[in-house]
Amino acid sequence: MLPTVETLIIAVEKADSANELLTAVENLAAAKSEAAIPTLTDVLRYNNPGASVAAVDGLIAIGKAAVPYLLANLDGYNYGARAWATRALAGIGDVRGLDLLLEAAVSDFSFSVRRGAARGLGNIIWSDLEESRVSEAQKAVFAALEKLSQGDPEWVVRYAAIVGLEGLGTAAAAFRGATRELLGQIGETEAEIVVRLRADQALEHLQ
């Protein structure tokens, strides 16, 4: 007989080693149950990157149902947990997380949070937003990604911003031309070769 979600949650709570926790979280994530959302979110606060990755994957698999709980329980003091939660919201792409992703991308002190948010801004499901709000929201996303791609001191954040720009350019025809122009500039001026190459790749995809 397959274990119940309650049994899987208890296994996570009772795990007494890193490996046992990882296995328990993977099993809980695989259940794709909304009842697992609070426990998977709690795991993001643990100092166990493997378990956090599994929890993020589980939350993304659950999808939109996880968004309200994630938004209501973001840890303002634990930047590691905040980074993982941002990563989950980014992977889900729900428009309810847009304001948080915009703010995190340009103002969070943690580069891992900014990186996750930048990727997520390119993953928004625009069809879920009221049509009258789409243009202004996409304009705000483009402005944030433009700022990050050219001004963030961490190359990994600039790289993530390019990934976000590629996603925006793919989804938003109105911003495709501006995105291509910006990527072309980055390809010519960016100091880090890996970032330049990613900009060239994104530009090729958007041609």
N, C-alpha and C. Protein backbone atom coordinates (compact mmCIF):
# COMPACT_ATOMS: atom_id res chain seq x y z
N MET A 1 0.84 -1.20 0.00
CA MET A 1 0.00 0.00 0.00
C MET A 1 0.88 1.25 0.00
N LEU A 2 0.54 2.21 -0.83
CA LEU A 2 1.31 3.44 -0.92
C LEU A 2 1.14 4.26 0.36
N PRO A 3 2.24 4.94 0.80
CA PRO A 3 2.13 5.76 2.01
C PRO A 3 1.23 6.97 1.76
N THR A 4 0.52 7.43 2.78
CA THR A 4 -0.31 8.61 2.67
C THR A 4 0.57 9.86 2.73
N VAL A 5 0.00 10.98 2.32
CA VAL A 5 0.75 12.25 2.40
C VAL A 5 1.11 12.55 3.85
N GLU A 6 0.20 12.24 4.77
CA GLU A 6 0.47 12.47 6.19
C GLU A 6 1.69 11.67 6.65
N THR A 7 1.79 10.44 6.18
CA THR A 7 2.94 9.59 6.53
C THR A 7 4.22 10.17 5.96
N LEU A 8 4.15 10.68 4.73
CA LEU A 8 5.33 11.27 4.09
C LEU A 8 5.77 12.54 4.82
N ILE A 9 4.80 13.32 5.30
CA ILE A 9 5.11 14.54 6.06
C ILE A 9 5.79 14.18 7.37
N ILE A 10 5.29 13.18 8.04
CA ILE A 10 5.89 12.73 9.31
C ILE A 10 7.32 12.27 9.08
N ALA A 11 7.56 11.59 7.96
CA ALA A 11 8.91 11.12 7.64
C ALA A 11 9.88 12.29 7.51
N VAL A 12 9.41 13.39 6.92
CA VAL A 12 10.25 14.59 6.81
C VAL A 12 10.53 15.16 8.19
N GLU A 13 9.51 15.25 9.01
CA GLU A 13 9.65 15.84 10.35
C GLU A 13 10.54 15.01 11.26
N LYS A 14 10.57 13.70 11.05
CA LYS A 14 11.34 12.82 11.93
C LYS A 14 12.72 12.47 11.39
N ALA A 15 13.05 12.91 10.20
CA ALA A 15 14.36 12.58 9.61
C ALA A 15 15.47 13.10 10.51
N ASP A 16 16.43 12.24 10.80
CA ASP A 16 17.50 12.65 11.73
C ASP A 16 18.89 12.62 11.10
N SER A 17 18.94 12.61 9.78
CA SER A 17 20.22 12.75 9.08
C SER A 17 19.97 13.46 7.76
N ALA A 18 21.01 14.02 7.19
CA ALA A 18 20.87 14.77 5.94
C ALA A 18 20.35 13.88 4.82
N ASN A 19 20.89 12.67 4.73
CA ASN A 19 20.46 11.76 3.67
C ASN A 19 19.01 11.31 3.87
N GLU A 20 18.64 11.04 5.12
CA GLU A 20 17.28 10.62 5.42
C GLU A 20 16.30 11.74 5.09
N LEU A 21 16.70 12.98 5.41
CA LEU A 21 15.85 14.13 5.11
C LEU A 21 15.67 14.28 3.61
N LEU A 22 16.76 14.16 2.87
CA LEU A 22 16.69 14.31 1.42
C LEU A 22 15.72 13.29 0.82
N THR A 23 15.85 12.04 1.24
CA THR A 23 14.96 11.00 0.72
C THR A 23 13.51 11.28 1.08
N ALA A 24 13.28 11.71 2.31
CA ALA A 24 11.92 11.98 2.77
C ALA A 24 11.30 13.14 1.99
N VAL A 25 12.09 14.19 1.75
CA VAL A 25 11.58 15.34 1.00
C VAL A 25 11.30 14.96 -0.45
N GLU A 26 12.19 14.18 -1.04
CA GLU A 26 11.97 13.73 -2.42
C GLU A 26 10.68 12.92 -2.53
N ASN A 27 10.44 12.06 -1.56
CA ASN A 27 9.21 11.26 -1.57
C ASN A 27 7.97 12.13 -1.41
N LEU A 28 8.07 13.12 -0.52
CA LEU A 28 6.93 14.03 -0.31
C LEU A 28 6.69 14.88 -1.55
N ALA A 29 7.76 15.37 -2.15
CA ALA A 29 7.63 16.19 -3.36
C ALA A 29 6.98 15.40 -4.49
N ALA A 30 7.33 14.13 -4.59
CA ALA A 30 6.80 13.29 -5.67
C ALA A 30 5.30 13.09 -5.56
N ALA A 31 4.76 13.27 -4.35
CA ALA A 31 3.31 13.10 -4.16
C ALA A 31 2.50 14.20 -4.84
N LYS A 32 3.12 15.36 -5.07
CA LYS A 32 2.46 16.51 -5.72
C LYS A 32 1.13 16.85 -5.06
N SER A 33 1.12 16.82 -3.75
CA SER A 33 -0.10 17.07 -2.99
C SER A 33 -0.09 18.47 -2.39
N GLU A 34 -1.21 19.16 -2.48
CA GLU A 34 -1.31 20.49 -1.88
C GLU A 34 -1.12 20.44 -0.37
N ALA A 35 -1.43 19.32 0.23
CA ALA A 35 -1.25 19.17 1.68
C ALA A 35 0.22 19.22 2.08
N ALA A 36 1.11 19.03 1.11
CA ALA A 36 2.55 19.03 1.38
C ALA A 36 3.14 20.44 1.35
N ILE A 37 2.38 21.43 0.90
CA ILE A 37 2.95 22.77 0.70
C ILE A 37 3.59 23.35 1.96
N PRO A 38 2.93 23.35 3.12
CA PRO A 38 3.57 23.92 4.32
C PRO A 38 4.88 23.22 4.69
N THR A 39 4.90 21.91 4.61
CA THR A 39 6.11 21.18 4.98
C THR A 39 7.23 21.44 3.99
N LEU A 40 6.93 21.41 2.71
CA LEU A 40 7.95 21.69 1.69
C LEU A 40 8.50 23.12 1.85
N THR A 41 7.63 24.06 2.20
CA THR A 41 8.08 25.43 2.43
C THR A 41 8.98 25.51 3.66
N ASP A 42 8.64 24.78 4.70
CA ASP A 42 9.48 24.74 5.90
C ASP A 42 10.88 24.22 5.59
N VAL A 43 10.96 23.24 4.70
CA VAL A 43 12.25 22.62 4.35
C VAL A 43 13.20 23.67 3.77
N LEU A 44 12.66 24.71 3.13
CA LEU A 44 13.50 25.74 2.54
C LEU A 44 14.33 26.47 3.59
N ARG A 45 13.94 26.37 4.85
CA ARG A 45 14.66 27.04 5.93
C ARG A 45 15.79 26.16 6.48
N TYR A 46 15.81 24.90 6.10
CA TYR A 46 16.82 23.98 6.63
C TYR A 46 18.16 24.24 5.94
N ASN A 47 19.21 23.91 6.62
CA ASN A 47 20.54 24.06 6.02
C ASN A 47 20.91 22.77 5.30
N ASN A 48 20.12 22.46 4.26
CA ASN A 48 20.33 21.24 3.49
C ASN A 48 20.00 21.54 2.04
N PRO A 49 21.00 21.93 1.25
CA PRO A 49 20.74 22.33 -0.14
C PRO A 49 20.05 21.26 -0.96
N GLY A 50 20.43 20.01 -0.77
CA GLY A 50 19.79 18.94 -1.54
C GLY A 50 18.31 18.84 -1.25
N ALA A 51 17.96 18.91 0.03
CA ALA A 51 16.55 18.85 0.42
C ALA A 51 15.81 20.08 -0.08
N SER A 52 16.48 21.23 -0.06
CA SER A 52 15.84 22.46 -0.55
C SER A 52 15.55 22.37 -2.04
N VAL A 53 16.49 21.82 -2.81
CA VAL A 53 16.26 21.64 -4.24
C VAL A 53 15.05 20.74 -4.47
N ALA A 54 14.98 19.64 -3.72
CA ALA A 54 13.85 18.72 -3.86
C ALA A 54 12.54 19.40 -3.48
N ALA A 55 12.58 20.23 -2.42
CA ALA A 55 11.37 20.95 -1.99
C ALA A 55 10.93 21.95 -3.05
N VAL A 56 11.89 22.68 -3.63
CA VAL A 56 11.58 23.63 -4.69
C VAL A 56 10.94 22.91 -5.87
N ASP A 57 11.54 21.79 -6.26
CA ASP A 57 10.99 21.02 -7.38
C ASP A 57 9.56 20.56 -7.07
N GLY A 58 9.34 20.15 -5.82
CA GLY A 58 8.01 19.72 -5.42
C GLY A 58 6.99 20.85 -5.47
N LEU A 59 7.40 22.03 -5.00
CA LEU A 59 6.50 23.19 -5.01
C LEU A 59 6.19 23.63 -6.43
N ILE A 60 7.18 23.58 -7.30
CA ILE A 60 6.95 23.94 -8.70
C ILE A 60 6.00 22.93 -9.34
N ALA A 61 6.16 21.66 -9.00
CA ALA A 61 5.27 20.63 -9.56
C ALA A 61 3.84 20.82 -9.09
N ILE A 62 3.67 21.24 -7.85
CA ILE A 62 2.32 21.52 -7.34
C ILE A 62 1.74 22.73 -8.06
N GLY A 63 2.58 23.73 -8.31
CA GLY A 63 2.18 24.84 -9.16
C GLY A 63 1.46 25.97 -8.44
N LYS A 64 0.47 26.52 -9.09
CA LYS A 64 -0.18 27.75 -8.63
C LYS A 64 -0.75 27.64 -7.22
N ALA A 65 -1.16 26.46 -6.83
CA ALA A 65 -1.74 26.28 -5.49
C ALA A 65 -0.74 26.60 -4.39
N ALA A 66 0.56 26.53 -4.70
CA ALA A 66 1.60 26.79 -3.70
C ALA A 66 1.88 28.27 -3.52
N VAL A 67 1.45 29.10 -4.45
CA VAL A 67 1.84 30.51 -4.46
C VAL A 67 1.35 31.29 -3.24
N PRO A 68 0.08 31.22 -2.86
CA PRO A 68 -0.37 32.01 -1.70
C PRO A 68 0.41 31.68 -0.43
N TYR A 69 0.69 30.40 -0.19
CA TYR A 69 1.41 30.04 1.02
C TYR A 69 2.86 30.53 0.95
N LEU A 70 3.48 30.40 -0.19
CA LEU A 70 4.86 30.89 -0.34
C LEU A 70 4.93 32.40 -0.10
N LEU A 71 4.00 33.14 -0.66
CA LEU A 71 4.01 34.60 -0.51
C LEU A 71 3.76 35.00 0.95
N ALA A 72 2.89 34.26 1.62
CA ALA A 72 2.53 34.60 3.00
C ALA A 72 3.60 34.18 4.00
N ASN A 73 4.50 33.30 3.59
CA ASN A 73 5.48 32.75 4.54
C ASN A 73 6.92 32.97 4.09
N LEU A 74 7.15 34.02 3.32
CA LEU A 74 8.52 34.33 2.93
C LEU A 74 9.32 34.74 4.15
N ASP A 75 10.50 34.20 4.29
CA ASP A 75 11.34 34.47 5.46
C ASP A 75 12.20 35.71 5.21
N GLY A 76 11.85 36.79 5.88
CA GLY A 76 12.59 38.04 5.68
C GLY A 76 13.94 38.07 6.34
N TYR A 77 14.24 37.10 7.22
CA TYR A 77 15.49 37.10 7.96
C TYR A 77 16.48 36.05 7.47
N ASN A 78 15.97 35.00 6.89
CA ASN A 78 16.82 33.92 6.40
C ASN A 78 16.95 34.06 4.89
N TYR A 79 18.09 34.63 4.43
CA TYR A 79 18.19 34.91 3.00
C TYR A 79 18.29 33.63 2.18
N GLY A 80 18.81 32.55 2.78
CA GLY A 80 18.87 31.28 2.08
C GLY A 80 17.47 30.76 1.78
N ALA A 81 16.61 30.79 2.79
CA ALA A 81 15.23 30.35 2.61
C ALA A 81 14.52 31.25 1.61
N ARG A 82 14.82 32.55 1.69
CA ARG A 82 14.19 33.50 0.77
C ARG A 82 14.61 33.22 -0.67
N ALA A 83 15.88 32.86 -0.83
CA ALA A 83 16.38 32.54 -2.17
C ALA A 83 15.68 31.31 -2.74
N TRP A 84 15.51 30.28 -1.90
CA TRP A 84 14.84 29.07 -2.37
C TRP A 84 13.38 29.35 -2.69
N ALA A 85 12.71 30.12 -1.84
CA ALA A 85 11.30 30.45 -2.08
C ALA A 85 11.14 31.27 -3.36
N THR A 86 12.08 32.18 -3.59
CA THR A 86 12.06 32.98 -4.82
C THR A 86 12.23 32.08 -6.02
N ARG A 87 13.10 31.10 -5.87
CA ARG A 87 13.33 30.14 -6.95
C ARG A 87 12.06 29.34 -7.26
N ALA A 88 11.35 28.97 -6.22
CA ALA A 88 10.09 28.24 -6.42
C ALA A 88 9.06 29.12 -7.14
N LEU A 89 8.91 30.35 -6.68
CA LEU A 89 7.97 31.28 -7.32
C LEU A 89 8.36 31.53 -8.77
N ALA A 90 9.66 31.64 -9.00
CA ALA A 90 10.16 31.87 -10.36
C ALA A 90 9.81 30.70 -11.26
N GLY A 91 9.94 29.49 -10.73
CA GLY A 91 9.64 28.31 -11.53
C GLY A 91 8.17 28.13 -11.82
N ILE A 92 7.33 28.58 -10.91
CA ILE A 92 5.88 28.47 -11.10
C ILE A 92 5.39 29.50 -12.12
N GLY A 93 5.93 30.71 -12.04
CA GLY A 93 5.59 31.75 -13.03
C GLY A 93 4.25 32.41 -12.83
N ASP A 94 3.65 32.25 -11.66
CA ASP A 94 2.33 32.80 -11.40
C ASP A 94 2.42 34.33 -11.29
N VAL A 95 1.46 35.03 -11.88
CA VAL A 95 1.50 36.50 -11.89
C VAL A 95 1.35 37.08 -10.48
N ARG A 96 0.82 36.30 -9.54
CA ARG A 96 0.69 36.80 -8.17
C ARG A 96 2.06 37.00 -7.52
N GLY A 97 3.08 36.37 -8.05
CA GLY A 97 4.43 36.55 -7.53
C GLY A 97 5.21 37.65 -8.22
N LEU A 98 4.59 38.31 -9.20
CA LEU A 98 5.32 39.28 -10.02
C LEU A 98 5.87 40.44 -9.21
N ASP A 99 5.06 41.06 -8.37
CA ASP A 99 5.53 42.21 -7.60
C ASP A 99 6.70 41.83 -6.71
N LEU A 100 6.61 40.67 -6.09
CA LEU A 100 7.71 40.21 -5.22
C LEU A 100 8.97 39.99 -6.04
N LEU A 101 8.84 39.35 -7.19
CA LEU A 101 10.01 39.09 -8.04
C LEU A 101 10.65 40.38 -8.52
N LEU A 102 9.82 41.36 -8.87
CA LEU A 102 10.36 42.65 -9.32
C LEU A 102 11.16 43.32 -8.20
N GLU A 103 10.59 43.34 -7.01
CA GLU A 103 11.27 43.97 -5.88
C GLU A 103 12.55 43.23 -5.52
N ALA A 104 12.47 41.90 -5.48
CA ALA A 104 13.64 41.10 -5.12
C ALA A 104 14.75 41.25 -6.14
N ALA A 105 14.39 41.33 -7.41
CA ALA A 105 15.39 41.40 -8.46
C ALA A 105 16.27 42.63 -8.36
N VAL A 106 15.67 43.76 -8.00
CA VAL A 106 16.44 45.01 -8.03
C VAL A 106 16.91 45.49 -6.67
N SER A 107 16.36 44.91 -5.58
CA SER A 107 16.70 45.49 -4.28
C SER A 107 17.20 44.51 -3.22
N ASP A 108 17.08 43.20 -3.45
CA ASP A 108 17.52 42.28 -2.41
C ASP A 108 19.05 42.28 -2.31
N PHE A 109 19.56 42.25 -1.08
CA PHE A 109 21.02 42.29 -0.90
C PHE A 109 21.68 40.98 -1.30
N SER A 110 20.93 39.89 -1.30
CA SER A 110 21.49 38.57 -1.62
C SER A 110 21.51 38.35 -3.12
N PHE A 111 22.68 38.08 -3.67
CA PHE A 111 22.76 37.88 -5.11
C PHE A 111 22.01 36.62 -5.54
N SER A 112 21.91 35.63 -4.65
CA SER A 112 21.18 34.41 -5.01
C SER A 112 19.69 34.68 -5.15
N VAL A 113 19.18 35.61 -4.34
CA VAL A 113 17.78 36.00 -4.46
C VAL A 113 17.57 36.80 -5.76
N ARG A 114 18.47 37.74 -6.03
CA ARG A 114 18.36 38.53 -7.26
C ARG A 114 18.44 37.63 -8.49
N ARG A 115 19.32 36.66 -8.44
CA ARG A 115 19.48 35.74 -9.58
C ARG A 115 18.19 34.94 -9.81
N GLY A 116 17.62 34.39 -8.74
CA GLY A 116 16.39 33.62 -8.89
C GLY A 116 15.25 34.48 -9.41
N ALA A 117 15.16 35.71 -8.88
CA ALA A 117 14.09 36.61 -9.31
C ALA A 117 14.25 37.00 -10.77
N ALA A 118 15.47 37.24 -11.20
CA ALA A 118 15.72 37.64 -12.59
C ALA A 118 15.27 36.54 -13.55
N ARG A 119 15.60 35.32 -13.24
CA ARG A 119 15.15 34.21 -14.08
C ARG A 119 13.62 34.13 -14.09
N GLY A 120 13.04 34.30 -12.91
CA GLY A 120 11.59 34.19 -12.79
C GLY A 120 10.84 35.24 -13.57
N LEU A 121 11.42 36.43 -13.72
CA LEU A 121 10.74 37.49 -14.46
C LEU A 121 10.55 37.14 -15.93
N GLY A 122 11.36 36.23 -16.41
CA GLY A 122 11.20 35.77 -17.79
C GLY A 122 10.27 34.59 -17.93
N ASN A 123 9.72 34.16 -16.80
CA ASN A 123 8.92 32.93 -16.79
C ASN A 123 7.45 33.20 -16.44
N ILE A 124 7.07 34.48 -16.38
CA ILE A 124 5.71 34.83 -15.99
C ILE A 124 4.70 34.35 -17.04
N ILE A 125 3.60 33.80 -16.56
CA ILE A 125 2.52 33.35 -17.45
C ILE A 125 1.59 34.54 -17.69
N TRP A 126 1.86 35.29 -18.74
CA TRP A 126 1.18 36.56 -18.96
C TRP A 126 -0.30 36.39 -19.26
N SER A 127 -0.69 35.25 -19.77
CA SER A 127 -2.11 35.04 -20.10
C SER A 127 -3.00 35.04 -18.86
N ASP A 128 -2.38 34.89 -17.68
CA ASP A 128 -3.15 34.90 -16.44
C ASP A 128 -3.36 36.30 -15.87
N LEU A 129 -2.74 37.29 -16.50
CA LEU A 129 -2.88 38.66 -16.03
C LEU A 129 -3.95 39.39 -16.85
N GLU A 130 -4.70 40.27 -16.18
CA GLU A 130 -5.70 41.05 -16.90
C GLU A 130 -5.04 41.77 -18.08
N GLU A 131 -5.70 41.69 -19.22
CA GLU A 131 -5.10 42.23 -20.44
C GLU A 131 -4.73 43.70 -20.32
N SER A 132 -5.52 44.46 -19.57
CA SER A 132 -5.28 45.90 -19.43
C SER A 132 -4.00 46.19 -18.63
N ARG A 133 -3.51 45.20 -17.89
CA ARG A 133 -2.32 45.40 -17.05
C ARG A 133 -1.05 44.84 -17.67
N VAL A 134 -1.18 44.07 -18.73
CA VAL A 134 -0.04 43.34 -19.27
C VAL A 134 1.07 44.27 -19.76
N SER A 135 0.72 45.28 -20.53
CA SER A 135 1.73 46.15 -21.13
C SER A 135 2.59 46.84 -20.08
N GLU A 136 1.96 47.43 -19.07
CA GLU A 136 2.72 48.12 -18.02
C GLU A 136 3.56 47.15 -17.21
N ALA A 137 3.02 45.96 -16.96
CA ALA A 137 3.76 44.96 -16.19
C ALA A 137 4.99 44.49 -16.97
N GLN A 138 4.82 44.25 -18.25
CA GLN A 138 5.96 43.83 -19.07
C GLN A 138 6.99 44.94 -19.19
N LYS A 139 6.53 46.17 -19.22
CA LYS A 139 7.44 47.32 -19.25
C LYS A 139 8.28 47.36 -17.98
N ALA A 140 7.66 47.09 -16.83
CA ALA A 140 8.38 47.08 -15.56
C ALA A 140 9.38 45.93 -15.52
N VAL A 141 9.01 44.79 -16.06
CA VAL A 141 9.91 43.63 -16.10
C VAL A 141 11.11 43.94 -16.99
N PHE A 142 10.87 44.52 -18.16
CA PHE A 142 11.97 44.86 -19.06
C PHE A 142 12.93 45.84 -18.39
N ALA A 143 12.39 46.84 -17.71
CA ALA A 143 13.23 47.85 -17.04
C ALA A 143 14.09 47.20 -15.96
N ALA A 144 13.50 46.30 -15.19
CA ALA A 144 14.26 45.64 -14.13
C ALA A 144 15.36 44.77 -14.71
N LEU A 145 15.05 44.01 -15.75
CA LEU A 145 16.04 43.12 -16.35
C LEU A 145 17.13 43.91 -17.07
N GLU A 146 16.76 45.03 -17.66
CA GLU A 146 17.76 45.90 -18.29
C GLU A 146 18.75 46.40 -17.24
N LYS A 147 18.23 46.84 -16.11
CA LYS A 147 19.08 47.34 -15.02
C LYS A 147 20.02 46.24 -14.51
N LEU A 148 19.47 45.07 -14.29
CA LEU A 148 20.28 43.97 -13.77
C LEU A 148 21.33 43.51 -14.77
N SER A 149 20.93 43.41 -16.03
CA SER A 149 21.83 42.86 -17.04
C SER A 149 23.03 43.76 -17.30
N GLN A 150 22.89 45.03 -17.00
CA GLN A 150 23.99 45.96 -17.28
C GLN A 150 24.64 46.53 -16.02
N GLY A 151 23.94 46.43 -14.87
CA GLY A 151 24.48 47.12 -13.71
C GLY A 151 24.73 46.28 -12.47
N ASP A 152 24.26 45.03 -12.46
CA ASP A 152 24.48 44.25 -11.24
C ASP A 152 25.96 43.88 -11.12
N PRO A 153 26.53 44.00 -9.92
CA PRO A 153 27.96 43.70 -9.76
C PRO A 153 28.30 42.21 -9.87
N GLU A 154 27.30 41.33 -9.74
CA GLU A 154 27.55 39.89 -9.79
C GLU A 154 27.24 39.36 -11.19
N TRP A 155 28.24 38.71 -11.81
CA TRP A 155 28.03 38.25 -13.17
C TRP A 155 26.93 37.18 -13.26
N VAL A 156 26.75 36.40 -12.19
CA VAL A 156 25.71 35.36 -12.23
C VAL A 156 24.32 35.99 -12.29
N VAL A 157 24.18 37.17 -11.69
CA VAL A 157 22.89 37.87 -11.75
C VAL A 157 22.69 38.45 -13.15
N ARG A 158 23.74 39.00 -13.73
CA ARG A 158 23.64 39.52 -15.10
C ARG A 158 23.30 38.39 -16.08
N TYR A 159 23.90 37.23 -15.86
CA TYR A 159 23.61 36.06 -16.67
C TYR A 159 22.13 35.68 -16.54
N ALA A 160 21.64 35.63 -15.30
CA ALA A 160 20.23 35.29 -15.06
C ALA A 160 19.30 36.31 -15.69
N ALA A 161 19.70 37.57 -15.67
CA ALA A 161 18.88 38.62 -16.29
C ALA A 161 18.76 38.39 -17.79
N ILE A 162 19.81 37.89 -18.40
CA ILE A 162 19.74 37.59 -19.84
C ILE A 162 18.78 36.44 -20.10
N VAL A 163 18.80 35.45 -19.23
CA VAL A 163 17.83 34.35 -19.33
C VAL A 163 16.41 34.92 -19.22
N GLY A 164 16.23 35.83 -18.27
CA GLY A 164 14.93 36.47 -18.11
C GLY A 164 14.53 37.27 -19.33
N LEU A 165 15.48 38.00 -19.90
CA LEU A 165 15.19 38.79 -21.10
C LEU A 165 14.79 37.89 -22.27
N GLU A 166 15.46 36.76 -22.40
CA GLU A 166 15.10 35.83 -23.46
C GLU A 166 13.66 35.34 -23.29
N GLY A 167 13.30 35.04 -22.03
CA GLY A 167 11.93 34.60 -21.76
C GLY A 167 10.92 35.69 -22.06
N LEU A 168 11.24 36.93 -21.67
CA LEU A 168 10.33 38.04 -21.93
C LEU A 168 10.20 38.28 -23.43
N GLY A 169 11.32 38.28 -24.13
CA GLY A 169 11.29 38.51 -25.57
C GLY A 169 10.52 37.44 -26.32
N THR A 170 10.58 36.21 -25.81
CA THR A 170 9.84 35.11 -26.43
C THR A 170 8.34 35.27 -26.21
N ALA A 171 7.97 35.69 -25.00
CA ALA A 171 6.55 35.76 -24.64
C ALA A 171 5.87 37.05 -25.06
N ALA A 172 6.64 38.13 -25.14
CA ALA A 172 6.05 39.46 -25.37
C ALA A 172 6.56 40.04 -26.69
N ALA A 173 5.76 39.92 -27.72
CA ALA A 173 6.16 40.41 -29.04
C ALA A 173 6.46 41.90 -29.02
N ALA A 174 5.74 42.65 -28.19
CA ALA A 174 5.91 44.10 -28.15
C ALA A 174 7.29 44.50 -27.65
N PHE A 175 7.94 43.61 -26.92
CA PHE A 175 9.26 43.95 -26.36
C PHE A 175 10.39 43.18 -27.03
N ARG A 176 10.07 42.45 -28.09
CA ARG A 176 11.09 41.62 -28.73
C ARG A 176 12.19 42.46 -29.36
N GLY A 177 11.79 43.54 -30.04
CA GLY A 177 12.78 44.39 -30.69
C GLY A 177 13.72 45.04 -29.68
N ALA A 178 13.14 45.60 -28.63
CA ALA A 178 13.96 46.25 -27.59
C ALA A 178 14.86 45.24 -26.90
N THR A 179 14.35 44.03 -26.72
CA THR A 179 15.15 42.98 -26.08
C THR A 179 16.32 42.59 -26.97
N ARG A 180 16.08 42.43 -28.25
CA ARG A 180 17.17 42.09 -29.18
C ARG A 180 18.23 43.18 -29.19
N GLU A 181 17.80 44.43 -29.20
CA GLU A 181 18.75 45.56 -29.20
C GLU A 181 19.61 45.55 -27.93
N LEU A 182 18.96 45.31 -26.79
CA LEU A 182 19.69 45.27 -25.52
C LEU A 182 20.67 44.11 -25.49
N LEU A 183 20.25 42.95 -25.94
CA LEU A 183 21.15 41.79 -25.96
C LEU A 183 22.35 42.03 -26.87
N GLY A 184 22.12 42.73 -27.97
CA GLY A 184 23.23 43.07 -28.86
C GLY A 184 24.24 43.96 -28.17
N GLN A 185 23.75 44.94 -27.41
CA GLN A 185 24.65 45.82 -26.67
C GLN A 185 25.45 45.06 -25.63
N ILE A 186 24.76 44.15 -24.92
CA ILE A 186 25.44 43.35 -23.89
C ILE A 186 26.54 42.50 -24.52
N GLY A 187 26.23 41.92 -25.68
CA GLY A 187 27.21 41.09 -26.37
C GLY A 187 28.46 41.84 -26.75
N GLU A 188 28.35 43.15 -26.88
CA GLU A 188 29.51 43.96 -27.27
C GLU A 188 30.25 44.57 -26.07
N THR A 189 29.55 44.76 -24.95
CA THR A 189 30.15 45.53 -23.85
C THR A 189 30.42 44.72 -22.58
N GLU A 190 29.78 43.57 -22.41
CA GLU A 190 29.91 42.78 -21.19
C GLU A 190 31.35 42.27 -21.02
N ALA A 191 31.86 42.38 -19.80
CA ALA A 191 33.25 41.99 -19.52
C ALA A 191 33.43 40.47 -19.41
N GLU A 192 32.45 39.78 -18.85
CA GLU A 192 32.56 38.33 -18.65
C GLU A 192 32.15 37.58 -19.92
N ILE A 193 33.06 36.74 -20.39
CA ILE A 193 32.81 36.06 -21.65
C ILE A 193 31.60 35.13 -21.60
N VAL A 194 31.39 34.48 -20.44
CA VAL A 194 30.26 33.56 -20.35
C VAL A 194 28.93 34.31 -20.44
N VAL A 195 28.90 35.53 -19.94
CA VAL A 195 27.69 36.35 -20.02
C VAL A 195 27.48 36.82 -21.46
N ARG A 196 28.58 37.22 -22.12
CA ARG A 196 28.48 37.63 -23.52
C ARG A 196 27.95 36.50 -24.40
N LEU A 197 28.47 35.30 -24.15
CA LEU A 197 28.04 34.15 -24.94
C LEU A 197 26.56 33.85 -24.71
N ARG A 198 26.11 34.01 -23.46
CA ARG A 198 24.69 33.77 -23.17
C ARG A 198 23.82 34.82 -23.86
N ALA A 199 24.30 36.05 -23.91
CA ALA A 199 23.57 37.11 -24.61
C ALA A 199 23.48 36.81 -26.10
N ASP A 200 24.58 36.33 -26.67
CA ASP A 200 24.58 35.98 -28.09
C ASP A 200 23.60 34.83 -28.37
N GLN A 201 23.58 33.86 -27.44
CA GLN A 201 22.67 32.73 -27.61
C GLN A 201 21.22 33.18 -27.55
N ALA A 202 20.92 34.05 -26.56
CA ALA A 202 19.55 34.55 -26.44
C ALA A 202 19.14 35.36 -27.68
N LEU A 203 20.08 36.16 -28.17
CA LEU A 203 19.80 36.97 -29.36
C LEU A 203 19.50 36.07 -30.57
N GLU A 204 20.26 35.01 -30.70
CA GLU A 204 20.03 34.07 -31.80
C GLU A 204 18.65 33.42 -31.71
N HIS A 205 18.24 33.09 -30.49
CA HIS A 205 16.92 32.48 -30.28
C HIS A 205 15.79 33.43 -30.62
N LEU A 206 16.04 34.73 -30.47
CA LEU A 206 14.99 35.71 -30.68
C LEU A 206 14.97 36.28 -32.10
N GLN A 207 15.90 35.85 -32.93
CA GLN A 207 15.94 36.36 -34.31
C GLN A 207 14.77 35.82 -35.12
